[in-house]
Amino acid sequence: MNYQEFVSSVTGFLRESLPGGTKLDLIPMEKNNGIIMDGLSIRKQGHRVAPTIYLEAYYREYLDGCSLRGIYEEILECCEDCELEENFDVSFFSDYEKVRQGVVYKLVNYEKNRELLQKVPHLPFLDLAIVFYCYLRETPVGNATVLIHNSHLKLWDCTMGELYRDARANAGRLLPARLEEMSVMIKELSGGQETLGQADVPMYVLTNTVRSLGAVCILYEGVLKSCGDRLGEAYYVLPSSIHEVILIPASAVEDTKELQSIVRDINETQVRETEVLSDNIYYYSPISGQLSLVES
């Protein structure tokens, strides 16, 4: 079954399974890095909330062997969860004083997000951009994120300076940084199973405690220095994805071009397009205390 046939199958099933009057619309949605994804908007009659289902992700599940019946049930469950949002009061989002404590930031690729950056408050950082979002915890559908747009700043009568100040203050509190040896993290993620072999080059993973949008931890106050103290020297930073970065001691690196080649290969073969951060690498000097872009 190709993708278009899959879309037709899913929408046909939903039309039969959901209450009469439910409106289904296939809408192109812009995601990170300028990627356009098909979003299936599902609005039940009389409901304020219209959940959007990204069909590409479910199609990947289908290609990986998940049954159509299982996918149908996942989507129906998502629709039911979104009904909880009907009782979720979002009026607080019009008042910055009620939002302030949840404002944090993340890093995205500057060039790949030029169109998005015209719509959202941002600050350039090396070849990246700092953008802001509101981190909502313990909502009726779990933790949630809301990207902050220029229209929000206008609504809130808020400045970029205020936004950046609050994001810096909140990020380390809400999403603390976490540095782990690569082997330790792999063992933890594999449920305690021993990994095959040990890399010759020592590698560390820097992310946040929820392992989501954690590459931004390189901006946290004192984190780069703390990592340098732990590694005991200067180091290179490899942007593994928007969720984490990999640190490698400078003494273990003979050729930076090889590191750049590794990053590009990982981005092309192992990281989803919407989660790619950069093809470049960075260098942290404990002498200057600065992170710099390594020229290709």
C-alpha atoms as a PDB file:
ATOM      1  CA  MET A   1       0.000   0.000   0.000  1.00  0.00           C
ATOM      2  CA  ASN A   2       1.530   3.347  -1.015  1.00  0.00           C
ATOM      3  CA  TYR A   3       1.169   6.542   1.006  1.00  0.00           C
ATOM      4  CA  GLN A   4      -1.849   7.916  -0.865  1.00  0.00           C
ATOM      5  CA  GLU A   5      -3.691   4.604  -0.509  1.00  0.00           C
ATOM      6  CA  PHE A   6      -2.839   4.620   3.195  1.00  0.00           C
ATOM      7  CA  VAL A   7      -4.298   8.130   3.595  1.00  0.00           C
ATOM      8  CA  SER A   8      -7.488   7.082   1.821  1.00  0.00           C
ATOM      9  CA  SER A   9      -7.786   3.981   4.001  1.00  0.00           C
ATOM     10  CA  VAL A  10      -7.361   5.944   7.251  1.00  0.00           C
ATOM     11  CA  THR A  11      -9.795   8.720   6.305  1.00  0.00           C
ATOM     12  CA  GLY A  12     -12.359   6.157   5.099  1.00  0.00           C
ATOM     13  CA  PHE A  13     -12.153   4.297   8.400  1.00  0.00           C
ATOM     14  CA  LEU A  14     -12.510   7.508  10.422  1.00  0.00           C
ATOM     15  CA  ARG A  15     -15.571   8.605   8.453  1.00  0.00           C
ATOM     16  CA  GLU A  16     -17.236   5.290   9.317  1.00  0.00           C
ATOM     17  CA  SER A  17     -16.121   5.245  12.969  1.00  0.00           C
ATOM     18  CA  LEU A  18     -16.530   8.836  14.164  1.00  0.00           C
ATOM     19  CA  PRO A  19     -19.894  10.485  14.931  1.00  0.00           C
ATOM     20  CA  GLY A  20     -21.915  12.021  12.119  1.00  0.00           C
ATOM     21  CA  GLY A  21     -21.051  15.630  11.366  1.00  0.00           C
ATOM     22  CA  THR A  22     -17.316  15.104  12.014  1.00  0.00           C
ATOM     23  CA  LYS A  23     -15.273  17.171   9.566  1.00  0.00           C
ATOM     24  CA  LEU A  24     -12.022  15.741   8.183  1.00  0.00           C
ATOM     25  CA  ASP A  25      -9.548  18.044   6.438  1.00  0.00           C
ATOM     26  CA  LEU A  26      -6.074  17.187   5.121  1.00  0.00           C
ATOM     27  CA  ILE A  27      -3.939  20.267   5.771  1.00  0.00           C
ATOM     28  CA  PRO A  28      -0.251  20.806   4.878  1.00  0.00           C
ATOM     29  CA  MET A  29       1.530  21.765   8.113  1.00  0.00           C
ATOM     30  CA  GLU A  30       4.955  23.438   8.307  1.00  0.00           C
ATOM     31  CA  LYS A  31       7.247  21.744  10.795  1.00  0.00           C
ATOM     32  CA  ASN A  32      10.857  22.319  11.862  1.00  0.00           C
ATOM     33  CA  ASN A  33      13.421  22.794   9.053  1.00  0.00           C
ATOM     34  CA  GLY A  34      10.723  23.861   6.610  1.00  0.00           C
ATOM     35  CA  ILE A  35       9.367  20.320   6.289  1.00  0.00           C
ATOM     36  CA  ILE A  36       5.729  20.187   5.165  1.00  0.00           C
ATOM     37  CA  MET A  37       3.732  17.316   6.639  1.00  0.00           C
ATOM     38  CA  ASP A  38       0.158  16.178   6.019  1.00  0.00           C
ATOM     39  CA  GLY A  39      -1.988  16.977   9.029  1.00  0.00           C
ATOM     40  CA  LEU A  40      -5.425  15.380   9.220  1.00  0.00           C
ATOM     41  CA  SER A  41      -7.654  17.796  11.124  1.00  0.00           C
ATOM     42  CA  ILE A  42     -10.549  16.050  12.882  1.00  0.00           C
ATOM     43  CA  ARG A  43     -13.293  18.331  14.179  1.00  0.00           C
ATOM     44  CA  LYS A  44     -16.334  16.746  15.779  1.00  0.00           C
ATOM     45  CA  GLN A  45     -19.612  18.624  15.489  1.00  0.00           C
ATOM     46  CA  GLY A  46     -20.012  21.129  18.313  1.00  0.00           C
ATOM     47  CA  HIS A  47     -16.408  20.741  19.560  1.00  0.00           C
ATOM     48  CA  ARG A  48     -13.950  23.622  19.933  1.00  0.00           C
ATOM     49  CA  VAL A  49     -10.840  21.452  19.638  1.00  0.00           C
ATOM     50  CA  ALA A  50      -9.767  19.832  16.362  1.00  0.00           C
ATOM     51  CA  PRO A  51      -6.892  17.381  16.900  1.00  0.00           C
ATOM     52  CA  THR A  52      -4.379  17.171  14.055  1.00  0.00           C
ATOM     53  CA  ILE A  53      -2.960  13.758  13.202  1.00  0.00           C
ATOM     54  CA  TYR A  54       0.340  13.646  11.299  1.00  0.00           C
ATOM     55  CA  LEU A  55      -0.147  10.785   8.880  1.00  0.00           C
ATOM     56  CA  GLU A  56       3.488  10.351   7.809  1.00  0.00           C
ATOM     57  CA  ALA A  57       4.361   9.066  11.288  1.00  0.00           C
ATOM     58  CA  TYR A  58       1.571   6.492  11.193  1.00  0.00           C
ATOM     59  CA  TYR A  59       2.581   5.456   7.667  1.00  0.00           C
ATOM     60  CA  ARG A  60       6.098   4.762   8.944  1.00  0.00           C
ATOM     61  CA  GLU A  61       4.546   2.537  11.623  1.00  0.00           C
ATOM     62  CA  TYR A  62       2.639   0.709   8.903  1.00  0.00           C
ATOM     63  CA  LEU A  63       5.802   0.188   6.852  1.00  0.00           C
ATOM     64  CA  ASP A  64       7.551  -1.089   9.989  1.00  0.00           C
ATOM     65  CA  GLY A  65       4.941  -3.829  10.319  1.00  0.00           C
ATOM     66  CA  CYS A  66       2.190  -2.321  12.462  1.00  0.00           C
ATOM     67  CA  SER A  67      -1.257  -3.536  11.400  1.00  0.00           C
ATOM     68  CA  LEU A  68      -3.814  -1.149   9.939  1.00  0.00           C
ATOM     69  CA  ARG A  69      -6.215  -2.130  12.724  1.00  0.00           C
ATOM     70  CA  GLY A  70      -3.607  -1.150  15.320  1.00  0.00           C
ATOM     71  CA  ILE A  71      -3.051   2.198  13.622  1.00  0.00           C
ATOM     72  CA  TYR A  72      -6.797   2.856  13.420  1.00  0.00           C
ATOM     73  CA  GLU A  73      -7.094   2.214  17.157  1.00  0.00           C
ATOM     74  CA  GLU A  74      -4.148   4.537  17.921  1.00  0.00           C
ATOM     75  CA  ILE A  75      -5.769   7.365  15.987  1.00  0.00           C
ATOM     76  CA  LEU A  76      -9.173   6.828  17.605  1.00  0.00           C
ATOM     77  CA  GLU A  77      -7.528   6.860  21.026  1.00  0.00           C
ATOM     78  CA  CYS A  78      -5.837  10.138  20.133  1.00  0.00           C
ATOM     79  CA  CYS A  79      -9.228  11.599  19.203  1.00  0.00           C
ATOM     80  CA  GLU A  80     -10.651  10.503  22.542  1.00  0.00           C
ATOM     81  CA  ASP A  81      -7.713  12.014  24.438  1.00  0.00           C
ATOM     82  CA  CYS A  82      -8.261  15.322  22.666  1.00  0.00           C
ATOM     83  CA  GLU A  83     -11.831  15.405  23.945  1.00  0.00           C
ATOM     84  CA  LEU A  84     -10.277  16.039  27.352  1.00  0.00           C
ATOM     85  CA  GLU A  85      -9.010  19.336  25.976  1.00  0.00           C
ATOM     86  CA  GLU A  86     -12.587  20.546  25.766  1.00  0.00           C
ATOM     87  CA  ASN A  87     -12.369  21.015  29.533  1.00  0.00           C
ATOM     88  CA  PHE A  88      -8.883  22.557  29.385  1.00  0.00           C
ATOM     89  CA  ASP A  89      -9.087  26.316  29.926  1.00  0.00           C
ATOM     90  CA  VAL A  90      -6.665  27.973  27.501  1.00  0.00           C
ATOM     91  CA  SER A  91      -7.726  31.531  28.324  1.00  0.00           C
ATOM     92  CA  PHE A  92      -4.679  31.875  30.590  1.00  0.00           C
ATOM     93  CA  PHE A  93      -2.504  32.028  27.460  1.00  0.00           C
ATOM     94  CA  SER A  94      -3.709  35.568  26.771  1.00  0.00           C
ATOM     95  CA  ASP A  95      -2.027  36.808  29.966  1.00  0.00           C
ATOM     96  CA  TYR A  96       1.780  36.816  29.969  1.00  0.00           C
ATOM     97  CA  GLU A  97       1.946  36.881  33.759  1.00  0.00           C
ATOM     98  CA  LYS A  98       0.222  33.479  33.749  1.00  0.00           C
ATOM     99  CA  VAL A  99       2.489  32.165  30.986  1.00  0.00           C
ATOM    100  CA  ARG A 100       5.799  33.628  32.170  1.00  0.00           C
ATOM    101  CA  GLN A 101       6.823  30.746  34.438  1.00  0.00           C
ATOM    102  CA  GLY A 102       6.582  28.250  31.554  1.00  0.00           C
ATOM    103  CA  VAL A 103       8.559  30.164  28.909  1.00  0.00           C
ATOM    104  CA  VAL A 104      11.684  28.297  27.747  1.00  0.00           C
ATOM    105  CA  TYR A 105      13.723  28.102  24.549  1.00  0.00           C
ATOM    106  CA  LYS A 106      15.118  25.698  21.974  1.00  0.00           C
ATOM    107  CA  LEU A 107      17.588  25.704  19.077  1.00  0.00           C
ATOM    108  CA  VAL A 108      16.759  25.277  15.394  1.00  0.00           C
ATOM    109  CA  ASN A 109      18.763  25.544  12.187  1.00  0.00           C
ATOM    110  CA  TYR A 110      18.777  29.132  10.938  1.00  0.00           C
ATOM    111  CA  GLU A 111      18.945  28.589   7.183  1.00  0.00           C
ATOM    112  CA  LYS A 112      16.402  25.754   7.093  1.00  0.00           C
ATOM    113  CA  ASN A 113      13.877  27.772   9.092  1.00  0.00           C
ATOM    114  CA  ARG A 114      14.090  31.190   7.433  1.00  0.00           C
ATOM    115  CA  GLU A 115      10.350  31.289   6.672  1.00  0.00           C
ATOM    116  CA  LEU A 116       9.400  30.246  10.202  1.00  0.00           C
ATOM    117  CA  LEU A 117      11.762  32.808  11.723  1.00  0.00           C
ATOM    118  CA  GLN A 118       9.823  35.596  10.018  1.00  0.00           C
ATOM    119  CA  LYS A 119       6.833  34.613  12.163  1.00  0.00           C
ATOM    120  CA  VAL A 120       8.441  33.962  15.558  1.00  0.00           C
ATOM    121  CA  PRO A 121      10.665  35.955  17.945  1.00  0.00           C
ATOM    122  CA  HIS A 122      14.219  34.640  17.659  1.00  0.00           C
ATOM    123  CA  LEU A 123      17.881  35.355  18.264  1.00  0.00           C
ATOM    124  CA  PRO A 124      20.727  34.184  15.987  1.00  0.00           C
ATOM    125  CA  PHE A 125      23.355  31.928  17.572  1.00  0.00           C
ATOM    126  CA  LEU A 126      26.255  30.726  15.385  1.00  0.00           C
ATOM    127  CA  ASP A 127      24.521  28.947  12.450  1.00  0.00           C
ATOM    128  CA  LEU A 128      21.433  28.355  14.596  1.00  0.00           C
ATOM    129  CA  ALA A 129      18.512  30.354  15.962  1.00  0.00           C
ATOM    130  CA  ILE A 130      17.074  30.536  19.461  1.00  0.00           C
ATOM    131  CA  VAL A 131      13.278  30.338  19.425  1.00  0.00           C
ATOM    132  CA  PHE A 132      10.870  30.319  22.331  1.00  0.00           C
ATOM    133  CA  TYR A 133       8.020  28.123  23.470  1.00  0.00           C
ATOM    134  CA  CYS A 134       5.786  27.622  26.465  1.00  0.00           C
ATOM    135  CA  TYR A 135       6.274  24.337  28.301  1.00  0.00           C
ATOM    136  CA  LEU A 136       2.969  23.236  29.811  1.00  0.00           C
ATOM    137  CA  ARG A 137       3.122  20.472  32.380  1.00  0.00           C
ATOM    138  CA  GLU A 138       0.346  18.194  33.552  1.00  0.00           C
ATOM    139  CA  THR A 139      -2.308  19.276  31.070  1.00  0.00           C
ATOM    140  CA  PRO A 140      -5.261  16.913  30.420  1.00  0.00           C
ATOM    141  CA  VAL A 141      -3.188  15.352  27.619  1.00  0.00           C
ATOM    142  CA  GLY A 142       0.158  15.315  29.451  1.00  0.00           C
ATOM    143  CA  ASN A 143       3.056  17.716  28.940  1.00  0.00           C
ATOM    144  CA  ALA A 144       2.623  20.033  25.958  1.00  0.00           C
ATOM    145  CA  THR A 145       4.562  22.740  24.117  1.00  0.00           C
ATOM    146  CA  VAL A 146       3.295  25.861  22.372  1.00  0.00           C
ATOM    147  CA  LEU A 147       5.640  27.746  20.027  1.00  0.00           C
ATOM    148  CA  ILE A 148       5.605  31.480  20.714  1.00  0.00           C
ATOM    149  CA  HIS A 149       4.860  33.672  17.673  1.00  0.00           C
ATOM    150  CA  ASN A 150       5.281  37.391  17.049  1.00  0.00           C
ATOM    151  CA  SER A 151       1.507  37.712  17.485  1.00  0.00           C
ATOM    152  CA  HIS A 152       1.853  36.466  21.061  1.00  0.00           C
ATOM    153  CA  LEU A 153       4.379  39.199  21.897  1.00  0.00           C
ATOM    154  CA  LYS A 154       1.967  41.778  20.528  1.00  0.00           C
ATOM    155  CA  LEU A 155      -0.916  40.281  22.513  1.00  0.00           C
ATOM    156  CA  TRP A 156       1.152  40.205  25.696  1.00  0.00           C
ATOM    157  CA  ASP A 157       2.784  43.606  25.117  1.00  0.00           C
ATOM    158  CA  CYS A 158       6.028  41.788  25.838  1.00  0.00           C
ATOM    159  CA  THR A 159       9.553  42.531  24.575  1.00  0.00           C
ATOM    160  CA  MET A 160      12.159  40.138  23.225  1.00  0.00           C
ATOM    161  CA  GLY A 161      14.350  41.060  26.186  1.00  0.00           C
ATOM    162  CA  GLU A 162      11.693  39.949  28.669  1.00  0.00           C
ATOM    163  CA  LEU A 163      11.113  36.723  26.774  1.00  0.00           C
ATOM    164  CA  TYR A 164      14.822  35.854  26.669  1.00  0.00           C
ATOM    165  CA  ARG A 165      15.328  36.742  30.324  1.00  0.00           C
ATOM    166  CA  ASP A 166      12.441  34.535  31.423  1.00  0.00           C
ATOM    167  CA  ALA A 167      13.453  31.655  29.156  1.00  0.00           C
ATOM    168  CA  ARG A 168      17.004  31.661  30.579  1.00  0.00           C
ATOM    169  CA  ALA A 169      15.677  31.708  34.129  1.00  0.00           C
ATOM    170  CA  ASN A 170      13.119  28.943  33.542  1.00  0.00           C
ATOM    171  CA  ALA A 171      14.960  26.459  31.325  1.00  0.00           C
ATOM    172  CA  GLY A 172      17.414  25.173  33.907  1.00  0.00           C
ATOM    173  CA  ARG A 173      14.641  24.898  36.495  1.00  0.00           C
ATOM    174  CA  LEU A 174      12.003  23.176  34.346  1.00  0.00           C
ATOM    175  CA  LEU A 175      14.331  21.176  32.081  1.00  0.00           C
ATOM    176  CA  PRO A 176      17.688  20.732  33.850  1.00  0.00           C
ATOM    177  CA  ALA A 177      20.749  19.788  31.819  1.00  0.00           C
ATOM    178  CA  ARG A 178      22.077  16.258  31.990  1.00  0.00           C
ATOM    179  CA  LEU A 179      25.534  15.035  30.882  1.00  0.00           C
ATOM    180  CA  GLU A 180      26.052  11.283  30.535  1.00  0.00           C
ATOM    181  CA  GLU A 181      28.704   9.055  29.066  1.00  0.00           C
ATOM    182  CA  MET A 182      27.395   7.691  25.791  1.00  0.00           C
ATOM    183  CA  SER A 183      27.813   4.081  26.935  1.00  0.00           C
ATOM    184  CA  VAL A 184      25.832   4.741  30.130  1.00  0.00           C
ATOM    185  CA  MET A 185      22.957   6.357  28.249  1.00  0.00           C
ATOM    186  CA  ILE A 186      22.816   3.564  25.660  1.00  0.00           C
ATOM    187  CA  LYS A 187      22.733   0.979  28.441  1.00  0.00           C
ATOM    188  CA  GLU A 188      19.929   2.870  30.193  1.00  0.00           C
ATOM    189  CA  LEU A 189      17.870   3.224  27.004  1.00  0.00           C
ATOM    190  CA  SER A 190      18.343  -0.462  26.170  1.00  0.00           C
ATOM    191  CA  GLY A 191      16.897  -1.529  29.510  1.00  0.00           C
ATOM    192  CA  GLY A 192      20.201  -2.377  31.141  1.00  0.00           C
ATOM    193  CA  GLN A 193      21.499  -4.628  28.395  1.00  0.00           C
ATOM    194  CA  GLU A 194      25.220  -4.608  27.813  1.00  0.00           C
ATOM    195  CA  THR A 195      26.294  -2.920  24.589  1.00  0.00           C
ATOM    196  CA  LEU A 196      28.529  -4.684  22.117  1.00  0.00           C
ATOM    197  CA  GLY A 197      32.012  -3.273  22.409  1.00  0.00           C
ATOM    198  CA  GLN A 198      33.190   0.122  23.578  1.00  0.00           C
ATOM    199  CA  ALA A 199      34.056   3.059  21.348  1.00  0.00           C
ATOM    200  CA  ASP A 200      37.746   4.011  21.267  1.00  0.00           C
ATOM    201  CA  VAL A 201      36.820   7.690  21.451  1.00  0.00           C
ATOM    202  CA  PRO A 202      35.194   8.843  24.720  1.00  0.00           C
ATOM    203  CA  MET A 203      31.824  10.441  23.981  1.00  0.00           C
ATOM    204  CA  TYR A 204      29.318  12.200  26.189  1.00  0.00           C
ATOM    205  CA  VAL A 205      25.678  13.132  25.568  1.00  0.00           C
ATOM    206  CA  LEU A 206      24.343  16.490  26.722  1.00  0.00           C
ATOM    207  CA  THR A 207      20.558  16.841  26.845  1.00  0.00           C
ATOM    208  CA  ASN A 208      17.853  17.723  29.367  1.00  0.00           C
ATOM    209  CA  THR A 209      16.146  15.453  31.870  1.00  0.00           C
ATOM    210  CA  VAL A 210      13.213  14.720  29.543  1.00  0.00           C
ATOM    211  CA  ARG A 211      15.502  14.184  26.516  1.00  0.00           C
ATOM    212  CA  SER A 212      13.374  16.454  24.376  1.00  0.00           C
ATOM    213  CA  LEU A 213      14.641  19.636  22.659  1.00  0.00           C
ATOM    214  CA  GLY A 214      17.715  19.275  24.839  1.00  0.00           C
ATOM    215  CA  ALA A 215      20.383  20.573  22.426  1.00  0.00           C
ATOM    216  CA  VAL A 216      19.601  24.007  23.852  1.00  0.00           C
ATOM    217  CA  CYS A 217      21.410  22.999  27.056  1.00  0.00           C
ATOM    218  CA  ILE A 218      24.576  24.428  25.470  1.00  0.00           C
ATOM    219  CA  LEU A 219      23.017  27.838  26.200  1.00  0.00           C
ATOM    220  CA  TYR A 220      22.394  27.195  29.890  1.00  0.00           C
ATOM    221  CA  GLU A 221      24.488  29.351  32.180  1.00  0.00           C
ATOM    222  CA  GLY A 222      27.633  27.545  33.296  1.00  0.00           C
ATOM    223  CA  VAL A 223      26.852  24.272  31.505  1.00  0.00           C
ATOM    224  CA  LEU A 224      29.626  24.440  28.887  1.00  0.00           C
ATOM    225  CA  LYS A 225      32.180  25.236  31.586  1.00  0.00           C
ATOM    226  CA  SER A 226      30.865  22.458  33.798  1.00  0.00           C
ATOM    227  CA  CYS A 227      31.187  19.997  30.905  1.00  0.00           C
ATOM    228  CA  GLY A 228      34.742  21.217  30.280  1.00  0.00           C
ATOM    229  CA  ASP A 229      35.592  20.655  33.936  1.00  0.00           C
ATOM    230  CA  ARG A 230      34.260  17.097  33.747  1.00  0.00           C
ATOM    231  CA  LEU A 231      36.099  16.300  30.512  1.00  0.00           C
ATOM    232  CA  GLY A 232      39.190  18.071  31.793  1.00  0.00           C
ATOM    233  CA  GLU A 233      39.957  19.847  28.519  1.00  0.00           C
ATOM    234  CA  ALA A 234      38.594  21.573  25.435  1.00  0.00           C
ATOM    235  CA  TYR A 235      36.044  19.620  23.427  1.00  0.00           C
ATOM    236  CA  TYR A 236      34.060  19.419  20.222  1.00  0.00           C
ATOM    237  CA  VAL A 237      30.275  19.575  20.127  1.00  0.00           C
ATOM    238  CA  LEU A 238      28.444  17.454  17.553  1.00  0.00           C
ATOM    239  CA  PRO A 239      24.792  18.433  16.970  1.00  0.00           C
ATOM    240  CA  SER A 240      23.235  14.978  17.089  1.00  0.00           C
ATOM    241  CA  SER A 241      19.702  16.416  16.761  1.00  0.00           C
ATOM    242  CA  ILE A 242      17.471  19.127  18.203  1.00  0.00           C
ATOM    243  CA  HIS A 243      17.182  16.863  21.250  1.00  0.00           C
ATOM    244  CA  GLU A 244      20.834  16.407  22.231  1.00  0.00           C
ATOM    245  CA  VAL A 245      24.468  17.096  21.377  1.00  0.00           C
ATOM    246  CA  ILE A 246      27.520  14.839  21.645  1.00  0.00           C
ATOM    247  CA  LEU A 247      30.735  16.023  23.292  1.00  0.00           C
ATOM    248  CA  ILE A 248      34.153  14.632  22.333  1.00  0.00           C
ATOM    249  CA  PRO A 249      37.420  15.639  24.074  1.00  0.00           C
ATOM    250  CA  ALA A 250      39.671  17.611  21.735  1.00  0.00           C
ATOM    251  CA  SER A 251      42.637  15.352  22.487  1.00  0.00           C
ATOM    252  CA  ALA A 252      40.720  12.404  20.994  1.00  0.00           C
ATOM    253  CA  VAL A 253      40.155  14.153  17.657  1.00  0.00           C
ATOM    254  CA  GLU A 254      42.763  13.994  14.893  1.00  0.00           C
ATOM    255  CA  ASP A 255      40.724  15.321  11.976  1.00  0.00           C
ATOM    256  CA  THR A 256      37.737  17.674  12.355  1.00  0.00           C
ATOM    257  CA  LYS A 257      36.706  16.982   8.766  1.00  0.00           C
ATOM    258  CA  GLU A 258      36.037  13.390   9.779  1.00  0.00           C
ATOM    259  CA  LEU A 259      33.747  14.616  12.584  1.00  0.00           C
ATOM    260  CA  GLN A 260      31.855  16.823  10.146  1.00  0.00           C
ATOM    261  CA  SER A 261      31.476  13.889   7.792  1.00  0.00           C
ATOM    262  CA  ILE A 262      30.072  11.762  10.631  1.00  0.00           C
ATOM    263  CA  VAL A 263      27.508  14.446  11.543  1.00  0.00           C
ATOM    264  CA  ARG A 264      26.344  14.804   7.939  1.00  0.00           C
ATOM    265  CA  ASP A 265      26.052  11.038   7.537  1.00  0.00           C
ATOM    266  CA  ILE A 266      24.020  10.717  10.758  1.00  0.00           C
ATOM    267  CA  ASN A 267      21.715  13.547   9.666  1.00  0.00           C
ATOM    268  CA  GLU A 268      21.129  11.906   6.289  1.00  0.00           C
ATOM    269  CA  THR A 269      20.608   8.351   7.495  1.00  0.00           C
ATOM    270  CA  GLN A 270      19.541   8.285  11.152  1.00  0.00           C
ATOM    271  CA  VAL A 271      17.821  11.546  12.103  1.00  0.00           C
ATOM    272  CA  ARG A 272      14.339  12.557  10.992  1.00  0.00           C
ATOM    273  CA  GLU A 273      14.343  15.621   8.759  1.00  0.00           C
ATOM    274  CA  THR A 274      12.293  17.547  11.300  1.00  0.00           C
ATOM    275  CA  GLU A 275      14.863  16.817  14.037  1.00  0.00           C
ATOM    276  CA  VAL A 276      18.094  17.747  12.233  1.00  0.00           C
ATOM    277  CA  LEU A 277      19.899  20.611  13.960  1.00  0.00           C
ATOM    278  CA  SER A 278      23.041  21.295  11.901  1.00  0.00           C
ATOM    279  CA  ASP A 279      25.633  19.696   9.626  1.00  0.00           C
ATOM    280  CA  ASN A 280      28.376  21.733  11.291  1.00  0.00           C
ATOM    281  CA  ILE A 281      30.383  21.071  14.447  1.00  0.00           C
ATOM    282  CA  TYR A 282      31.465  23.386  17.256  1.00  0.00           C
ATOM    283  CA  TYR A 283      34.478  23.827  19.528  1.00  0.00           C
ATOM    284  CA  TYR A 284      34.511  24.845  23.175  1.00  0.00           C
ATOM    285  CA  SER A 285      37.636  26.422  24.611  1.00  0.00           C
ATOM    286  CA  PRO A 286      37.946  26.473  28.410  1.00  0.00           C
ATOM    287  CA  ILE A 287      40.410  29.346  28.031  1.00  0.00           C
ATOM    288  CA  SER A 288      38.005  31.708  26.282  1.00  0.00           C
ATOM    289  CA  GLY A 289      34.903  30.076  27.731  1.00  0.00           C
ATOM    290  CA  GLN A 290      33.294  30.405  24.304  1.00  0.00           C
ATOM    291  CA  LEU A 291      31.654  28.027  21.826  1.00  0.00           C
ATOM    292  CA  SER A 292      32.679  28.618  18.221  1.00  0.00           C
ATOM    293  CA  LEU A 293      31.700  27.241  14.827  1.00  0.00           C
ATOM    294  CA  VAL A 294      34.324  25.005  13.208  1.00  0.00           C
ATOM    295  CA  GLU A 295      34.668  26.154   9.626  1.00  0.00           C
ATOM    296  CA  SER A 296      34.120  23.465   6.978  1.00  0.00           C
END
